[in-house]
Each structure stands twice: as C-alpha cells, then as structure tokens.
Amino acid sequence: MTIDPLSKLRSDTLADRTYKAIRNAIVTGAIRAGEKVTECGLAAQLSVGPTPVREAIRRLEQDGLRSARGRAR
C-alpha cells in the first residue's frame, strides 16, 4: 500500500490533510476494499500522530468509505 505524502495536499488542518490522503488512497485503490489497515500503520506511513488518523477514520466512516471491524491499532 502506498499513500501520497501529505506535503502534496493543501488544507487547513493536519486532520483534513490526513483525511484527504487516506480517502485518496481508498479511491485510487492504494488501499483495497477489505484490506486490513491500522491506525498506527496509517500514522506511520503519513508521518503523523494517531489523533489526525482517528479523526480521518471517523470522517471516512461517516462518508461510508470505511467500516469499523475492531479495536486493533
């Protein structure tokens, strides 16, 4: 799985940039349907802490692009 660096995206907050990067990875197929991803793994790939990833995941769930499966981090 490869995600574009956050430096290519411009937005107001780190959480917004994280959301856009993860959403883009889902839409482009870099993150495949059913692929297991972890909060810690995404944070490491994007070089951010867990909080912006958590916020992005909540937004993705609201958008219907992610479904919660467990509490693994």
Protein backbone atom coordinates (compact mmCIF):
# COMPACT_ATOMS: atom_id res chain seq x y z
CA MET A 1 0.00 0.00 0.00
CA THR A 2 1.38 3.41 -0.97
CA ILE A 3 -0.14 6.70 0.06
CA ASP A 4 0.83 10.09 -1.39
CA PRO A 5 2.78 12.27 1.02
CA LEU A 6 0.77 14.85 2.88
CA SER A 7 3.04 17.61 1.59
CA LYS A 8 1.28 17.43 -1.80
CA LEU A 9 -2.10 18.25 -0.26
CA ARG A 10 -3.12 21.69 0.99
CA SER A 11 -5.79 22.14 3.63
CA ASP A 12 -6.50 23.95 6.86
CA THR A 13 -5.66 21.27 9.41
CA LEU A 14 -3.50 18.19 9.73
CA ALA A 15 -6.67 16.14 10.26
CA ASP A 16 -8.07 17.47 6.95
CA ARG A 17 -4.87 16.60 5.09
CA THR A 18 -4.81 13.15 6.69
CA TYR A 19 -8.44 12.55 5.72
CA LYS A 20 -7.77 13.60 2.11
CA ALA A 21 -4.67 11.40 1.85
CA ILE A 22 -6.46 8.30 3.19
CA ARG A 23 -9.59 9.00 1.13
CA ASN A 24 -7.44 9.38 -1.99
CA ALA A 25 -5.70 6.08 -1.22
CA ILE A 26 -9.09 4.36 -0.96
CA VAL A 27 -10.49 5.95 -4.13
CA THR A 28 -7.38 5.18 -6.20
CA GLY A 29 -7.12 1.60 -4.91
CA ALA A 30 -3.90 2.06 -2.97
CA ILE A 31 -5.97 0.78 -0.04
CA ARG A 32 -8.09 -2.07 -1.36
CA ALA A 33 -11.58 -2.99 -0.19
CA GLY A 34 -11.32 -5.38 2.73
CA GLU A 35 -7.64 -4.63 3.31
CA LYS A 36 -6.75 -4.50 6.99
CA VAL A 37 -5.26 -1.17 7.95
CA THR A 38 -4.34 0.00 11.41
CA GLU A 39 -4.37 3.42 12.96
CA CYS A 40 -0.69 3.08 13.88
CA GLY A 41 0.22 1.86 10.41
CA LEU A 42 -1.51 4.77 8.70
CA ALA A 43 0.01 7.25 11.15
CA ALA A 44 3.49 5.89 10.45
CA GLN A 45 3.01 5.97 6.67
CA LEU A 46 1.74 9.52 6.76
CA SER A 47 4.25 10.70 9.39
CA VAL A 48 1.51 11.98 11.68
CA GLY A 49 0.31 11.09 15.15
CA PRO A 50 -2.68 8.91 15.91
CA THR A 51 -5.13 11.76 16.57
CA PRO A 52 -5.42 13.07 12.98
CA VAL A 53 -5.74 9.47 11.77
CA ARG A 54 -8.53 8.80 14.29
CA GLU A 55 -10.36 11.93 13.14
CA ALA A 56 -9.92 10.95 9.48
CA ILE A 57 -11.20 7.43 10.16
CA ARG A 58 -14.33 8.85 11.83
CA ARG A 59 -14.98 11.03 8.77
CA LEU A 60 -14.40 8.10 6.41
CA GLU A 61 -16.93 6.04 8.38
CA GLN A 62 -19.44 8.88 8.10
CA ASP A 63 -18.80 9.00 4.34
CA GLY A 64 -19.34 5.25 4.09
CA LEU A 65 -15.78 4.65 2.84
CA ARG A 66 -14.68 2.67 5.87
CA SER A 67 -16.35 0.23 8.19
CA ALA A 68 -15.18 -0.45 11.73
CA ARG A 69 -14.12 -4.03 12.32
CA GLY A 70 -12.30 -3.99 15.63
CA ARG A 71 -10.19 -2.06 18.04
CA ALA A 72 -6.74 -3.15 16.77
CA ARG A 73 -4.28 -0.31 16.49
